[in-house]
Amino acid sequence: MSFESKLLQMKGMLKKQPAKKQAPKAAARPLFEKEWGNIGLELKENKFGFVYEKKIRYPLTHQHGKVELGELNRVLAAWEQVPFEHPFKLKPGTPIVFFDTETTGLSGTGAYIFLIGLLVQKDGHFEMTQYIMPDPSHEAAFLYETGLWRDEEPIIFSYNGKSFDWPQLMSRWTMHRQVLPKLPTPLQIDLFHGTKRIWKNELERMKLSTIEAEKLGFVREGDVPGYLIPPIYLDAVKSGYPDGLAKVLFHNELDILSLVSLYVLSSDLLREDLVSETSGAYTNIGKWYADLKQFDQSATYLEHVTQERGSSAAMARYFLAIQKKRSGQYDEAVRLFKEAAPHLRGSVEVEAWIHAAKLYEHQLGDLDKAITMAVFAKQASEHTKVRNSLVLDIQKRLFRLDEKKRKKHAQVAKN
């Protein structure tokens, strides 16, 4: 047999041999089992190595800020009864997990997740399980023990988790894809985005601790700052000193409990509460429902705000006017645009006057008033920074309206 034939035969044999999964290397037992056990961590072993675990039970009556944890059941049942759709309205019976992580950094291959906290409701109580990685050699064991790979696809609640925590988890999971079961892609409810939709321009910062203090009625005392969490963990791994790590666990626990309170409070605002928030928050909610094409629900919130007078209700009038225009209520729409515009600022004021001009020109057939509205739009555009296309639109509109008016007068004179 020629040398070439032997090479071809060997190539064929190589192709037929199935790829072998690399067996996980045995990781050494962690050094500080006793020290870490003093803060409630229990060492667990699985086929990939070791992981620390801490379980905490809460009765349904456990109070976190303004909210009892058991109010989650009331809110879920109430969502089932509403006739409209919203991302916070969940499919009945779907498992719910409140989820948060702590990491050694924000990004990069050297940034590990070292703590994963999960809160679920069980029979008559809530149970939080916190998993801590003893050190990076046990990462596969740590990820596996969370059970997030199981067939069930729960709804994951987080705060900025959709943009940070879950992608980070997937990145670390991928590092062990040869040995770990596949991580499913769950439905995620990121309460950070909901918070921005409700309280945009109402709160200076969207940090969870700010939301707790200003909306949930909960102020953290003695909480460890976020920037200290990575060095505290790394020091605990090196020295075994557990006191700082206990504070990190408590920080993670508060983060997760706040998710329940925030979902309950937000859900009440989105369904029925029209008394406890500012006009700005209710305007934002009305805008959110309009973006979801739930126009009846949007109008409920916007009309509630427009009962107020002055600048605080200007944006609500503007958004409500857009809905009235869409539904063919032109007189009502132009009234709202005219009431809103003087109290608005920036390009939205200009657009309000333009909307009014369009209504007078095309729907109400009053060229004089259409010209007046267009002039107001031009004046407003001269006192604020607006895009060039908007300025050109006003110029063309005024020219066209003047031409229409001139032709109309000429026709009248001819007749």
Protein backbone atom coordinates (compact mmCIF):
# COMPACT_ATOMS: atom_id res chain seq x y z
CA MET A 1 0.00 0.00 0.00
CA SER A 2 1.35 3.39 -0.99
CA PHE A 3 2.11 6.10 1.55
CA GLU A 4 -0.73 8.25 0.18
CA SER A 5 -3.22 5.38 0.59
CA LYS A 6 -2.15 4.87 4.20
CA LEU A 7 -2.69 8.57 4.91
CA LEU A 8 -6.18 8.43 3.39
CA GLN A 9 -7.00 5.33 5.43
CA MET A 10 -5.83 7.00 8.62
CA LYS A 11 -7.88 10.10 7.77
CA GLY A 12 -10.99 7.94 7.39
CA MET A 13 -10.39 6.24 10.73
CA LEU A 14 -10.01 9.57 12.44
CA LYS A 15 -13.34 10.73 11.06
CA LYS A 16 -15.11 7.64 12.37
CA GLN A 17 -13.88 8.12 15.92
CA PRO A 18 -16.46 10.07 17.98
CA ALA A 19 -15.22 13.08 19.88
CA LYS A 20 -14.79 12.28 23.54
CA LYS A 21 -16.19 14.64 26.14
CA GLN A 22 -13.47 15.87 28.38
CA ALA A 23 -14.03 14.51 31.86
CA PRO A 24 -14.22 17.19 34.51
CA LYS A 25 -11.11 17.49 36.62
CA ALA A 26 -11.56 16.74 40.29
CA ALA A 27 -11.41 19.98 42.28
CA ALA A 28 -9.82 20.04 45.72
CA ARG A 29 -12.00 20.44 48.79
CA PRO A 30 -12.15 24.12 49.83
CA LEU A 31 -9.85 25.15 52.66
CA PHE A 32 -12.15 27.33 54.76
CA GLU A 33 -15.22 25.15 55.24
CA LYS A 34 -15.42 25.83 58.99
CA GLU A 35 -14.91 29.60 58.68
CA TRP A 36 -17.48 30.02 55.93
CA GLY A 37 -19.84 27.71 57.77
CA ASN A 38 -19.92 30.26 60.60
CA ILE A 39 -21.94 32.64 58.39
CA GLY A 40 -24.55 30.05 57.46
CA LEU A 41 -22.91 28.58 54.35
CA GLU A 42 -23.11 24.82 53.89
CA LEU A 43 -20.60 23.05 51.67
CA LYS A 44 -22.24 20.87 49.01
CA GLU A 45 -20.57 18.47 46.59
CA ASN A 46 -21.70 17.48 43.11
CA LYS A 47 -20.03 15.68 40.23
CA PHE A 48 -18.08 18.78 39.22
CA GLY A 49 -16.75 19.83 42.59
CA PHE A 50 -17.91 21.88 45.57
CA VAL A 51 -20.20 24.85 46.13
CA TYR A 52 -21.41 26.73 49.19
CA GLU A 53 -25.13 27.13 49.75
CA LYS A 54 -27.27 29.19 52.11
CA LYS A 55 -31.05 28.88 52.45
CA ILE A 56 -33.37 31.45 54.03
CA ARG A 57 -37.11 31.01 54.57
CA TYR A 58 -39.59 33.88 54.77
CA PRO A 59 -43.24 33.70 55.79
CA LEU A 60 -45.78 35.22 53.41
CA THR A 61 -46.21 38.02 55.95
CA HIS A 62 -42.53 39.04 55.75
CA GLN A 63 -42.46 42.82 55.26
CA HIS A 64 -39.95 44.43 52.91
CA GLY A 65 -40.54 48.16 52.77
CA LYS A 66 -44.22 48.86 52.07
CA VAL A 67 -44.91 45.35 50.78
CA GLU A 68 -45.54 41.96 52.32
CA LEU A 69 -44.06 39.17 50.19
CA GLY A 70 -47.41 37.35 50.10
CA GLU A 71 -48.94 40.27 48.18
CA LEU A 72 -47.30 38.73 45.13
CA ASN A 73 -50.20 36.24 45.00
CA ARG A 74 -52.77 39.05 45.07
CA VAL A 75 -51.03 40.85 42.22
CA LEU A 76 -50.66 37.74 40.05
CA ALA A 77 -54.36 36.93 40.51
CA ALA A 78 -55.35 40.53 39.73
CA TRP A 79 -53.32 40.54 36.50
CA GLU A 80 -55.24 37.46 35.35
CA GLN A 81 -58.51 39.42 35.54
CA VAL A 82 -57.52 42.48 33.48
CA PRO A 83 -58.74 42.58 29.84
CA PHE A 84 -55.58 44.21 28.44
CA GLU A 85 -52.04 42.97 27.82
CA HIS A 86 -48.83 44.12 29.46
CA PRO A 87 -45.35 42.58 29.88
CA PHE A 88 -45.96 42.33 33.64
CA LYS A 89 -49.06 40.18 33.06
CA LEU A 90 -47.84 36.60 33.37
CA LYS A 91 -49.19 33.31 32.16
CA PRO A 92 -50.89 31.56 35.12
CA GLY A 93 -48.95 28.70 36.66
CA THR A 94 -45.56 29.65 35.21
CA PRO A 95 -42.72 29.20 37.75
CA ILE A 96 -41.29 32.52 38.91
CA VAL A 97 -37.70 33.06 40.07
CA PHE A 98 -36.34 36.34 41.46
CA PHE A 99 -32.68 36.39 40.45
CA ASP A 100 -29.55 38.42 41.17
CA THR A 101 -25.80 37.88 40.93
CA GLU A 102 -22.60 39.34 42.32
CA THR A 103 -19.46 39.36 40.21
CA THR A 104 -15.73 40.03 40.45
CA GLY A 105 -15.95 42.58 37.64
CA LEU A 106 -18.18 44.01 34.93
CA SER A 107 -16.76 42.23 31.88
CA GLY A 108 -13.87 40.26 30.42
CA THR A 109 -12.72 36.66 30.76
CA GLY A 110 -11.33 37.36 34.24
CA ALA A 111 -14.71 38.54 35.54
CA TYR A 112 -16.47 35.72 37.39
CA ILE A 113 -19.94 35.40 38.84
CA PHE A 114 -19.24 34.21 42.37
CA LEU A 115 -22.69 34.54 43.96
CA ILE A 116 -26.10 33.66 42.54
CA GLY A 117 -29.24 34.29 44.59
CA LEU A 118 -32.61 32.76 43.71
CA LEU A 119 -35.94 33.40 45.45
CA VAL A 120 -38.97 31.19 44.78
CA GLN A 121 -42.35 30.78 46.40
CA LYS A 122 -43.09 27.39 47.92
CA ASP A 123 -46.02 26.01 49.87
CA GLY A 124 -46.91 28.76 52.34
CA HIS A 125 -43.55 30.53 52.31
CA PHE A 126 -40.75 31.97 50.19
CA GLU A 127 -37.31 30.38 50.02
CA MET A 128 -34.10 32.07 49.01
CA THR A 129 -31.08 30.01 48.02
CA GLN A 130 -27.71 31.68 47.65
CA TYR A 131 -24.87 29.83 45.95
CA ILE A 132 -21.26 30.92 46.40
CA MET A 133 -18.32 29.67 44.37
CA PRO A 134 -15.48 28.58 46.72
CA ASP A 135 -12.93 29.62 44.10
CA PRO A 136 -12.73 29.63 40.26
CA SER A 137 -11.67 25.96 40.11
CA HIS A 138 -15.22 25.07 41.26
CA GLU A 139 -17.04 27.24 38.71
CA ALA A 140 -18.68 24.31 36.87
CA ALA A 141 -19.94 22.88 40.17
CA PHE A 142 -21.22 26.31 41.22
CA LEU A 143 -23.14 26.90 37.98
CA TYR A 144 -24.53 23.36 37.87
CA GLU A 145 -25.82 23.47 41.45
CA THR A 146 -28.11 26.45 40.73
CA GLY A 147 -30.38 24.15 38.68
CA LEU A 148 -30.97 26.89 36.10
CA TRP A 149 -30.29 24.30 33.39
CA ARG A 150 -33.32 22.17 34.24
CA ASP A 151 -36.12 21.62 31.71
CA GLU A 152 -38.47 24.05 33.44
CA GLU A 153 -38.31 27.48 31.83
CA PRO A 154 -39.33 29.91 34.56
CA ILE A 155 -39.91 33.62 34.33
CA ILE A 156 -36.78 35.30 35.61
CA PHE A 157 -37.23 38.58 37.49
CA SER A 158 -34.17 40.78 37.83
CA TYR A 159 -33.00 44.38 38.00
CA ASN A 160 -30.89 45.08 34.91
CA GLY A 161 -30.43 41.33 34.61
CA LYS A 162 -31.51 41.15 31.00
CA SER A 163 -28.64 43.44 30.01
CA PHE A 164 -26.02 42.32 32.53
CA ASP A 165 -26.60 39.36 34.87
CA TRP A 166 -28.06 36.87 32.40
CA PRO A 167 -25.60 37.61 29.54
CA GLN A 168 -22.77 37.31 32.07
CA LEU A 169 -24.19 33.99 33.25
CA MET A 170 -24.45 32.72 29.67
CA SER A 171 -20.87 33.79 29.02
CA ARG A 172 -19.56 31.86 32.04
CA TRP A 173 -21.79 28.88 31.18
CA THR A 174 -20.29 28.79 27.69
CA MET A 175 -16.85 28.33 29.23
CA HIS A 176 -18.08 24.94 30.49
CA ARG A 177 -20.36 23.99 27.60
CA GLN A 178 -18.54 20.69 27.12
CA VAL A 179 -19.62 19.41 30.54
CA LEU A 180 -22.65 21.44 31.67
CA PRO A 181 -26.22 20.85 30.44
CA LYS A 182 -27.53 23.46 28.02
CA LEU A 183 -28.79 26.66 29.63
CA PRO A 184 -32.33 27.47 28.43
CA THR A 185 -33.44 30.92 27.34
CA PRO A 186 -36.17 31.91 29.81
CA LEU A 187 -38.72 34.70 29.63
CA GLN A 188 -37.23 37.63 31.52
CA ILE A 189 -38.94 40.49 33.33
CA ASP A 190 -36.28 43.15 33.85
CA LEU A 191 -37.73 45.52 36.45
CA PHE A 192 -35.05 48.10 35.65
CA HIS A 193 -36.73 48.82 32.31
CA GLY A 194 -40.18 48.95 33.91
CA THR A 195 -38.87 51.34 36.54
CA LYS A 196 -37.49 53.64 33.85
CA ARG A 197 -40.81 53.59 32.00
CA ILE A 198 -42.76 54.58 35.12
CA TRP A 199 -40.39 57.05 36.79
CA LYS A 200 -38.42 58.50 33.88
CA ASN A 201 -37.67 62.17 34.65
CA GLU A 202 -39.12 61.62 38.13
CA LEU A 203 -35.99 60.19 39.77
CA GLU A 204 -32.43 61.43 39.43
CA ARG A 205 -30.95 57.92 39.60
CA MET A 206 -32.29 54.50 38.78
CA LYS A 207 -30.13 52.60 41.26
CA LEU A 208 -32.10 49.98 43.15
CA SER A 209 -31.16 51.55 46.50
CA THR A 210 -32.65 54.86 45.27
CA ILE A 211 -35.89 53.14 44.23
CA GLU A 212 -36.02 51.45 47.64
CA ALA A 213 -35.64 54.71 49.54
CA GLU A 214 -37.95 56.86 47.41
CA LYS A 215 -40.63 54.39 46.31
CA LEU A 216 -40.51 51.15 48.31
CA GLY A 217 -40.24 52.73 51.75
CA PHE A 218 -37.04 50.88 52.58
CA VAL A 219 -33.65 52.38 53.51
CA ARG A 220 -30.55 50.21 53.71
CA GLU A 221 -28.41 50.61 56.79
CA GLY A 222 -24.81 49.43 56.89
CA ASP A 223 -24.98 48.03 53.37
CA VAL A 224 -21.68 47.22 51.69
CA PRO A 225 -20.95 49.51 48.68
CA GLY A 226 -21.01 47.73 45.34
CA TYR A 227 -17.42 48.63 44.46
CA LEU A 228 -16.16 46.78 47.59
CA ILE A 229 -17.92 43.51 46.78
CA PRO A 230 -15.25 42.06 44.41
CA PRO A 231 -12.28 42.68 46.76
CA ILE A 232 -14.26 41.35 49.74
CA TYR A 233 -14.90 38.06 47.94
CA LEU A 234 -11.33 37.74 46.65
CA ASP A 235 -9.99 38.37 50.14
CA ALA A 236 -12.37 35.76 51.62
CA VAL A 237 -11.14 33.20 49.08
CA LYS A 238 -7.53 33.96 49.96
CA SER A 239 -7.75 34.40 53.72
CA GLY A 240 -10.95 32.57 54.68
CA TYR A 241 -12.12 35.66 56.59
CA PRO A 242 -15.95 35.46 56.35
CA ASP A 243 -17.32 38.64 57.95
CA GLY A 244 -17.17 40.76 54.80
CA LEU A 245 -18.64 37.91 52.80
CA ALA A 246 -21.62 37.82 55.18
CA LYS A 247 -22.30 41.47 54.30
CA VAL A 248 -22.17 40.62 50.58
CA LEU A 249 -24.71 37.84 51.13
CA PHE A 250 -26.97 40.30 52.95
CA HIS A 251 -26.58 42.84 50.15
CA ASN A 252 -27.65 40.20 47.61
CA GLU A 253 -30.56 39.16 49.83
CA LEU A 254 -31.89 42.73 50.02
CA ASP A 255 -31.54 43.16 46.25
CA ILE A 256 -33.71 40.10 45.63
CA LEU A 257 -36.37 40.93 48.23
CA SER A 258 -36.66 44.38 46.66
CA LEU A 259 -37.52 42.74 43.34
CA VAL A 260 -40.69 41.29 44.87
CA SER A 261 -41.67 44.63 46.42
CA LEU A 262 -40.94 46.52 43.21
CA TYR A 263 -43.00 44.14 41.08
CA VAL A 264 -45.95 44.37 43.48
CA LEU A 265 -45.82 48.19 43.67
CA SER A 266 -45.33 48.62 39.90
CA SER A 267 -48.16 46.20 39.14
CA ASP A 268 -50.56 48.13 41.37
CA LEU A 269 -49.63 51.38 39.60
CA LEU A 270 -50.12 49.75 36.21
CA ARG A 271 -53.55 48.34 37.06
CA GLU A 272 -55.51 50.45 39.51
CA ASP A 273 -53.56 52.86 41.72
CA LEU A 274 -54.32 56.41 40.58
CA VAL A 275 -53.69 58.27 43.81
CA SER A 276 -50.24 57.57 45.26
CA GLU A 277 -47.98 58.76 42.43
CA THR A 278 -47.10 62.00 40.65
CA SER A 279 -48.69 63.26 37.45
CA GLY A 280 -45.35 62.62 35.73
CA ALA A 281 -45.40 58.93 36.66
CA TYR A 282 -48.99 58.48 35.49
CA THR A 283 -48.17 60.29 32.24
CA ASN A 284 -45.28 57.87 31.71
CA ILE A 285 -47.59 54.93 32.36
CA GLY A 286 -50.10 56.31 29.87
CA LYS A 287 -47.33 56.66 27.28
CA TRP A 288 -46.18 53.09 28.00
CA TYR A 289 -49.68 51.71 27.35
CA ALA A 290 -49.90 53.76 24.15
CA ASP A 291 -46.61 52.26 22.97
CA LEU A 292 -48.12 48.83 23.69
CA LYS A 293 -51.17 49.87 21.59
CA GLN A 294 -53.41 49.50 24.65
CA PHE A 295 -55.11 52.82 23.89
CA ASP A 296 -58.10 52.51 26.22
CA GLN A 297 -55.85 51.85 29.19
CA SER A 298 -53.53 54.64 28.08
CA ALA A 299 -56.43 57.11 27.93
CA THR A 300 -57.50 56.16 31.46
CA TYR A 301 -54.18 57.36 32.87
CA LEU A 302 -53.76 60.37 30.62
CA GLU A 303 -57.28 61.66 31.22
CA HIS A 304 -56.72 61.26 34.95
CA VAL A 305 -53.67 63.53 34.72
CA THR A 306 -55.35 66.10 32.44
CA GLN A 307 -57.86 66.88 35.17
CA GLU A 308 -55.02 68.91 36.66
CA ARG A 309 -54.21 72.35 35.29
CA GLY A 310 -50.90 73.89 34.28
CA SER A 311 -47.53 72.54 33.22
CA SER A 312 -47.62 69.33 35.28
CA ALA A 313 -50.26 67.90 32.95
CA ALA A 314 -48.85 69.27 29.66
CA MET A 315 -47.23 66.04 28.46
CA ALA A 316 -50.35 64.04 29.35
CA ARG A 317 -52.44 66.44 27.23
CA TYR A 318 -49.97 66.08 24.38
CA PHE A 319 -50.07 62.25 24.40
CA LEU A 320 -53.84 62.22 24.86
CA ALA A 321 -54.22 64.65 21.94
CA ILE A 322 -52.32 62.21 19.71
CA GLN A 323 -54.78 59.46 20.67
CA LYS A 324 -57.79 61.72 20.06
CA LYS A 325 -56.41 62.61 16.64
CA ARG A 326 -55.89 58.92 15.84
CA SER A 327 -59.48 58.11 16.79
CA GLY A 328 -60.95 60.96 14.73
CA GLN A 329 -61.87 63.29 17.61
CA TYR A 330 -60.31 66.29 15.86
CA ASP A 331 -61.88 69.15 17.84
CA GLU A 332 -60.85 67.54 21.12
CA ALA A 333 -57.37 66.80 19.77
CA VAL A 334 -56.69 70.37 18.62
CA ARG A 335 -57.96 71.74 21.95
CA LEU A 336 -55.53 69.51 23.85
CA PHE A 337 -52.59 70.37 21.59
CA LYS A 338 -53.26 74.10 22.09
CA GLU A 339 -53.58 73.69 25.87
CA ALA A 340 -50.40 71.62 26.09
CA ALA A 341 -48.05 73.53 23.76
CA PRO A 342 -47.45 76.71 25.85
CA HIS A 343 -46.33 74.55 28.80
CA LEU A 344 -44.03 72.27 26.81
CA ARG A 345 -40.35 72.85 26.07
CA GLY A 346 -38.02 71.88 23.26
CA SER A 347 -38.98 70.05 20.08
CA VAL A 348 -42.15 68.60 21.65
CA GLU A 349 -43.61 72.13 21.91
CA VAL A 350 -42.86 72.72 18.22
CA GLU A 351 -44.44 69.39 17.28
CA ALA A 352 -47.58 70.20 19.30
CA TRP A 353 -48.11 73.42 17.31
CA ILE A 354 -47.46 71.52 14.05
CA HIS A 355 -50.04 68.87 15.00
CA ALA A 356 -52.57 71.66 15.62
CA ALA A 357 -51.70 73.28 12.28
CA LYS A 358 -52.23 70.00 10.43
CA LEU A 359 -55.61 69.44 12.08
CA TYR A 360 -56.83 72.95 11.17
CA GLU A 361 -55.59 72.58 7.60
CA HIS A 362 -56.68 69.03 6.71
CA GLN A 363 -59.47 68.03 9.08
CA LEU A 364 -61.12 71.24 10.27
CA GLY A 365 -60.63 73.35 7.12
CA ASP A 366 -59.59 76.59 8.83
CA LEU A 367 -56.59 78.01 6.97
CA ASP A 368 -56.30 81.15 9.10
CA LYS A 369 -55.95 79.14 12.30
CA ALA A 370 -53.63 76.66 10.55
CA ILE A 371 -51.35 79.60 9.64
CA THR A 372 -51.49 80.90 13.22
CA MET A 373 -50.47 77.48 14.61
CA ALA A 374 -47.63 77.20 12.05
CA VAL A 375 -46.39 80.68 13.04
CA PHE A 376 -46.38 79.60 16.71
CA ALA A 377 -44.37 76.52 15.68
CA LYS A 378 -41.87 78.74 13.83
CA GLN A 379 -41.48 81.06 16.82
CA ALA A 380 -40.99 78.13 19.19
CA SER A 381 -38.36 76.59 16.88
CA GLU A 382 -36.34 79.83 17.03
CA HIS A 383 -35.95 79.58 20.80
CA THR A 384 -34.87 75.95 21.08
CA LYS A 385 -32.64 73.45 19.32
CA VAL A 386 -34.67 71.33 16.89
CA ARG A 387 -33.66 69.16 13.95
CA ASN A 388 -33.26 70.92 10.59
CA SER A 389 -35.93 68.77 8.96
CA LEU A 390 -38.50 70.18 11.40
CA VAL A 391 -37.50 73.76 10.59
CA LEU A 392 -37.76 73.05 6.85
CA ASP A 393 -41.16 71.43 7.38
CA ILE A 394 -42.47 74.58 9.08
CA GLN A 395 -41.15 76.79 6.28
CA LYS A 396 -42.74 74.62 3.58
CA ARG A 397 -45.99 74.45 5.55
CA LEU A 398 -46.23 78.23 5.91
CA PHE A 399 -45.49 78.70 2.21
CA ARG A 400 -48.12 76.14 1.21
CA LEU A 401 -50.72 77.59 3.56
CA ASP A 402 -50.11 81.11 2.23
CA GLU A 403 -50.49 79.79 -1.33
CA LYS A 404 -53.73 77.99 -0.40
CA LYS A 405 -55.10 81.12 1.25
CA ARG A 406 -54.13 83.32 -1.73
CA LYS A 407 -55.82 80.92 -4.20
CA LYS A 408 -58.89 80.71 -2.00
CA HIS A 409 -59.20 84.54 -1.88
CA ALA A 410 -58.67 84.73 -5.64
CA GLN A 411 -61.40 82.20 -6.22
CA VAL A 412 -63.79 84.12 -3.95
CA ALA A 413 -63.01 87.38 -5.76
CA LYS A 414 -63.56 85.72 -9.16
CA ASN A 415 -66.95 84.39 -8.11
